[in-house]
Amino acid sequence: MNTQSVEFIRELRSVLTYHQAVGIEEYPHNEGVRQFLQVPVLLPVISSAKTEREAPLPKKVSVSRSVAVSTETLGDIRCEITDCRACELHAHRANSVAGRGAASARLLIVGEWLKAPEQIENTSEIIFGVEEDRMLANMLKAIHLTSTDVFVTNILKCSLPSSCQPVNTAVSVQCCLAYLRRQIAVIAPQLICTMGILPTRALLGPSSASHSLSHLRGRFHSYTTLDGRQIPLMPTYHPSYLLQITKMKEATWKDLQLIEKKLSG
């Protein structure tokens, strides 16, 4: 095997090891991937003579998950999200939504996705929506949290026009979940609040798949980080839902009170 092939395999193995470390377990099988796999591979000419530069490949590559994520920042992840082409949503996005808030936030709030307001050109500061963000600000104020206490993001990192909503949600969630897990590793919040069923099921995993949000909310669950730590997670309703079904504000307020008590305890 020639030197160029050895270097390519090393780089590929390094990328796959990193993906495993940050929680990527599968890749979407879309048209682009299918066409790539059909491209014929030209095998290198194998020579019996080894050069001094051709060192043998290591038998096993081992990378600590905590090491893999400890050196990056939210800014690094934001740049990757901005350039992401992992699923079909990138073709329709108005802009990317990495999130907003403190890098050392005590509370991480995860919503679903942003339906980009068509009448607003710059949506870079909007996370849930104009009215939704205003409601969230009031909710946080009610439990005595400031902007330095909270980081807010979405499970889907693309802001989409109302006329173009995600179809293959499961594929997109899997692509974006790796970014979210890395954000959680960097922020290391004391507590996570998922607003809506999509982020709730994404972070709680298969055990939550058969349960509704009304069944899951009202109590703390546990999210396991990349390095094995457990973070309390409270599911509750999304502000967009509360704007439509106002009677659910009472239940959400009870969830918020539990969050306040947990953070102060």
Protein backbone atom coordinates (compact mmCIF):
# COMPACT_ATOMS: atom_id res chain seq x y z
CA MET A 1 0.00 0.00 0.00
CA ASN A 2 1.51 3.36 -1.00
CA THR A 3 2.09 6.29 1.32
CA GLN A 4 -0.85 8.30 -0.01
CA SER A 5 -3.26 5.44 0.65
CA VAL A 6 -1.90 4.95 4.15
CA GLU A 7 -2.39 8.64 4.96
CA PHE A 8 -5.93 8.57 3.53
CA ILE A 9 -6.88 5.57 5.66
CA ARG A 10 -5.40 7.22 8.75
CA GLU A 11 -7.43 10.37 8.14
CA LEU A 12 -10.61 8.40 7.45
CA ARG A 13 -10.15 6.34 10.61
CA SER A 14 -9.57 9.50 12.61
CA VAL A 15 -12.80 11.06 11.28
CA LEU A 16 -14.84 7.93 12.01
CA THR A 17 -13.39 7.70 15.52
CA TYR A 18 -14.29 11.34 16.16
CA HIS A 19 -17.84 10.80 14.87
CA GLN A 20 -18.22 7.86 17.23
CA ALA A 21 -16.93 9.96 20.11
CA VAL A 22 -19.48 12.72 19.56
CA GLY A 23 -22.40 10.30 19.31
CA ILE A 24 -22.91 9.78 15.56
CA GLU A 25 -24.11 6.18 15.21
CA GLU A 26 -25.37 6.13 11.62
CA TYR A 27 -25.28 8.16 8.42
CA PRO A 28 -28.30 9.16 6.28
CA HIS A 29 -28.65 7.06 3.12
CA ASN A 30 -29.73 9.84 0.75
CA GLU A 31 -29.24 10.24 -2.99
CA GLY A 32 -25.87 11.94 -2.62
CA VAL A 33 -24.49 9.10 -0.49
CA ARG A 34 -25.90 6.50 -2.89
CA GLN A 35 -24.18 8.11 -5.87
CA PHE A 36 -20.92 8.38 -3.92
CA LEU A 37 -20.98 4.67 -3.10
CA GLN A 38 -21.45 3.83 -6.78
CA VAL A 39 -18.27 5.62 -7.84
CA PRO A 40 -15.69 2.99 -8.88
CA VAL A 41 -12.65 2.82 -6.61
CA LEU A 42 -9.21 2.74 -8.27
CA LEU A 43 -7.02 0.49 -6.19
CA PRO A 44 -3.41 1.56 -5.76
CA VAL A 45 -0.60 -0.48 -7.24
CA ILE A 46 0.78 -2.73 -4.53
CA SER A 47 4.52 -2.88 -4.33
CA SER A 48 6.47 -5.54 -2.48
CA ALA A 49 9.07 -2.99 -1.49
CA LYS A 50 8.31 -0.91 1.57
CA THR A 51 9.60 2.61 1.87
CA GLU A 52 10.84 4.07 5.12
CA ARG A 53 7.87 6.49 5.20
CA GLU A 54 5.30 3.67 5.14
CA ALA A 55 4.72 3.01 8.81
CA PRO A 56 2.25 0.25 9.77
CA LEU A 57 -1.27 1.32 10.73
CA PRO A 58 -2.10 1.11 14.43
CA LYS A 59 -4.14 -1.96 15.33
CA LYS A 60 -6.68 0.08 17.27
CA VAL A 61 -7.45 3.77 17.52
CA SER A 62 -8.72 4.79 20.93
CA VAL A 63 -9.92 8.32 21.67
CA SER A 64 -11.37 9.36 25.01
CA ARG A 65 -14.79 10.97 24.58
CA SER A 66 -14.00 13.63 27.17
CA VAL A 67 -10.78 14.51 25.32
CA ALA A 68 -12.60 14.60 21.97
CA VAL A 69 -15.01 17.27 23.11
CA SER A 70 -13.03 19.17 25.74
CA THR A 71 -10.95 21.33 23.40
CA GLU A 72 -13.76 22.70 21.25
CA THR A 73 -15.97 25.71 21.91
CA LEU A 74 -19.54 26.69 21.11
CA GLY A 75 -18.05 28.90 18.39
CA ASP A 76 -16.42 25.87 16.77
CA ILE A 77 -19.73 24.01 16.76
CA ARG A 78 -21.56 27.09 15.45
CA CYS A 79 -19.19 27.26 12.45
CA GLU A 80 -19.85 23.61 11.63
CA ILE A 81 -23.61 24.12 11.90
CA THR A 82 -23.42 27.10 9.54
CA ASP A 83 -21.68 24.99 6.88
CA CYS A 84 -23.63 21.78 7.50
CA ARG A 85 -24.94 19.88 4.46
CA ALA A 86 -25.69 16.61 6.24
CA CYS A 87 -29.40 16.45 5.36
CA GLU A 88 -31.84 17.94 2.89
CA LEU A 89 -32.89 20.81 5.17
CA HIS A 90 -29.82 22.89 4.27
CA ALA A 91 -31.23 23.47 0.79
CA HIS A 92 -34.21 25.37 2.19
CA ARG A 93 -32.92 27.02 5.36
CA ALA A 94 -33.21 30.76 5.88
CA ASN A 95 -30.25 30.61 8.26
CA SER A 96 -28.70 28.28 10.83
CA VAL A 97 -29.76 28.36 14.48
CA ALA A 98 -26.90 27.26 16.71
CA GLY A 99 -28.42 28.86 19.80
CA ARG A 100 -28.01 31.83 22.11
CA GLY A 101 -26.85 32.27 25.69
CA ALA A 102 -24.03 31.72 28.13
CA ALA A 103 -21.33 29.13 27.46
CA SER A 104 -21.42 28.19 31.15
CA ALA A 105 -25.22 28.22 31.49
CA ARG A 106 -26.81 26.40 34.40
CA LEU A 107 -29.94 25.65 32.37
CA LEU A 108 -30.00 24.42 28.75
CA ILE A 109 -33.33 24.80 26.96
CA VAL A 110 -33.90 22.80 23.77
CA GLY A 111 -36.81 23.52 21.44
CA GLU A 112 -37.85 22.00 18.11
CA TRP A 113 -37.06 24.24 15.13
CA LEU A 114 -37.53 27.82 14.05
CA LYS A 115 -40.22 28.66 11.52
CA ALA A 116 -38.54 31.69 10.00
CA PRO A 117 -40.80 34.77 10.06
CA GLU A 118 -41.05 35.77 6.39
CA GLN A 119 -41.59 39.46 7.20
CA ILE A 120 -38.28 39.67 9.09
CA GLU A 121 -35.08 39.68 7.03
CA ASN A 122 -32.58 39.10 9.85
CA THR A 123 -33.64 36.15 12.00
CA SER A 124 -30.20 35.41 13.44
CA GLU A 125 -31.25 36.42 16.97
CA ILE A 126 -34.55 34.51 16.93
CA ILE A 127 -34.57 30.99 18.39
CA PHE A 128 -38.19 29.85 18.82
CA GLY A 129 -40.04 32.70 17.08
CA VAL A 130 -40.77 36.35 17.83
CA GLU A 131 -43.74 35.81 20.16
CA GLU A 132 -42.34 32.51 21.39
CA ASP A 133 -39.03 34.10 22.43
CA ARG A 134 -40.91 36.86 24.23
CA MET A 135 -42.96 34.28 26.14
CA LEU A 136 -39.83 32.28 26.99
CA ALA A 137 -38.16 35.42 28.36
CA ASN A 138 -41.16 35.97 30.65
CA MET A 139 -41.08 32.33 31.74
CA LEU A 140 -37.41 32.57 32.69
CA LYS A 141 -37.94 35.87 34.47
CA ALA A 142 -40.71 34.26 36.51
CA ILE A 143 -38.27 31.69 37.90
CA HIS A 144 -35.58 34.32 38.49
CA LEU A 145 -33.15 33.32 35.72
CA THR A 146 -31.12 35.81 33.71
CA SER A 147 -29.39 35.57 30.33
CA THR A 148 -26.18 34.44 32.05
CA ASP A 149 -28.00 31.42 33.50
CA VAL A 150 -29.45 30.02 30.29
CA PHE A 151 -28.53 28.75 26.84
CA VAL A 152 -31.38 28.25 24.35
CA THR A 153 -31.19 26.20 21.16
CA ASN A 154 -33.21 23.84 18.96
CA ILE A 155 -32.86 20.18 18.10
CA LEU A 156 -33.05 21.07 14.38
CA LYS A 157 -30.40 23.67 13.59
CA CYS A 158 -31.96 25.05 10.39
CA SER A 159 -34.41 27.94 10.33
CA LEU A 160 -37.07 27.02 7.74
CA PRO A 161 -39.75 29.06 5.95
CA SER A 162 -43.31 28.22 6.94
CA SER A 163 -43.86 26.89 3.41
CA CYS A 164 -41.08 24.32 3.84
CA GLN A 165 -41.36 22.16 6.91
CA PRO A 166 -39.19 19.09 7.58
CA VAL A 167 -40.46 15.85 6.07
CA ASN A 168 -37.79 13.28 6.96
CA THR A 169 -37.65 14.51 10.54
CA ALA A 170 -35.97 11.39 11.92
CA VAL A 171 -33.03 11.73 9.53
CA SER A 172 -32.61 15.44 10.26
CA VAL A 173 -32.82 14.89 14.03
CA GLN A 174 -30.07 12.27 13.84
CA CYS A 175 -27.85 14.68 11.92
CA CYS A 176 -28.46 17.56 14.34
CA LEU A 177 -28.38 15.47 17.50
CA ALA A 178 -24.60 15.11 17.24
CA TYR A 179 -24.25 18.91 17.33
CA LEU A 180 -26.58 19.16 20.32
CA ARG A 181 -24.74 16.46 22.26
CA ARG A 182 -21.48 18.31 21.69
CA GLN A 183 -23.08 21.59 22.81
CA ILE A 184 -24.22 19.89 26.00
CA ALA A 185 -20.69 18.57 26.56
CA VAL A 186 -19.21 22.05 26.21
CA ILE A 187 -21.82 23.86 28.32
CA ALA A 188 -22.11 21.14 30.97
CA PRO A 189 -25.42 22.52 32.33
CA GLN A 190 -26.82 21.58 35.70
CA LEU A 191 -30.20 20.90 34.14
CA ILE A 192 -31.84 20.49 30.71
CA CYS A 193 -35.37 21.54 29.78
CA THR A 194 -36.76 20.15 26.53
CA MET A 195 -39.70 22.05 25.09
CA GLY A 196 -41.73 19.88 22.73
CA ILE A 197 -41.83 16.16 21.98
CA LEU A 198 -39.12 16.21 19.30
CA PRO A 199 -36.16 17.26 21.52
CA THR A 200 -37.56 15.24 24.42
CA ARG A 201 -37.51 11.96 22.51
CA ALA A 202 -34.19 12.81 20.85
CA LEU A 203 -32.40 13.21 24.21
CA LEU A 204 -34.25 10.54 26.21
CA GLY A 205 -33.92 7.93 23.47
CA PRO A 206 -36.04 4.86 22.64
CA SER A 207 -37.52 4.55 26.13
CA SER A 208 -39.58 7.70 25.50
CA ALA A 209 -40.76 6.79 21.99
CA SER A 210 -44.11 5.37 23.05
CA HIS A 211 -44.97 8.14 25.52
CA SER A 212 -46.68 11.46 24.91
CA LEU A 213 -45.30 14.75 26.20
CA SER A 214 -48.18 14.99 28.68
CA HIS A 215 -47.01 11.66 30.15
CA LEU A 216 -43.32 12.61 30.24
CA ARG A 217 -43.60 16.14 31.64
CA GLY A 218 -44.00 16.98 35.32
CA ARG A 219 -40.99 14.99 36.54
CA PHE A 220 -37.26 14.78 35.98
CA HIS A 221 -35.67 12.23 33.71
CA SER A 222 -31.98 11.62 33.11
CA TYR A 223 -29.80 12.47 30.11
CA THR A 224 -26.44 10.72 29.74
CA THR A 225 -23.61 12.91 28.42
CA LEU A 226 -20.82 11.82 26.07
CA ASP A 227 -18.53 11.17 29.04
CA GLY A 228 -21.17 9.24 30.99
CA ARG A 229 -22.43 11.91 33.40
CA GLN A 230 -26.13 12.16 34.24
CA ILE A 231 -27.98 15.47 33.86
CA PRO A 232 -31.58 15.94 35.10
CA LEU A 233 -33.95 16.64 32.21
CA MET A 234 -37.42 18.19 32.48
CA PRO A 235 -39.74 17.92 29.46
CA THR A 236 -42.44 20.56 29.07
CA TYR A 237 -44.54 22.33 26.45
CA HIS A 238 -43.13 24.60 23.75
CA PRO A 239 -44.12 28.29 23.80
CA SER A 240 -45.68 27.94 20.33
CA TYR A 241 -48.03 25.31 21.76
CA LEU A 242 -48.85 27.49 24.75
CA LEU A 243 -49.75 30.38 22.44
CA GLN A 244 -52.36 28.14 20.86
CA ILE A 245 -53.51 26.13 23.89
CA THR A 246 -53.38 28.63 26.72
CA LYS A 247 -54.88 26.27 29.29
CA MET A 248 -51.60 24.31 29.29
CA LYS A 249 -49.75 27.28 30.79
CA GLU A 250 -50.68 26.09 34.27
CA ALA A 251 -49.00 22.71 33.73
CA THR A 252 -45.94 24.41 32.25
CA TRP A 253 -45.72 26.74 35.22
CA LYS A 254 -45.57 23.71 37.54
CA ASP A 255 -42.68 22.33 35.45
CA LEU A 256 -40.87 25.68 35.67
CA GLN A 257 -41.28 25.74 39.44
CA LEU A 258 -39.70 22.29 39.67
CA ILE A 259 -36.79 23.57 37.57
CA GLU A 260 -36.34 26.61 39.83
CA LYS A 261 -36.39 24.42 42.92
CA LYS A 262 -33.88 21.98 41.41
CA LEU A 263 -31.45 24.73 40.42
CA SER A 264 -31.65 26.41 43.81
CA GLY A 265 -31.25 23.18 45.71
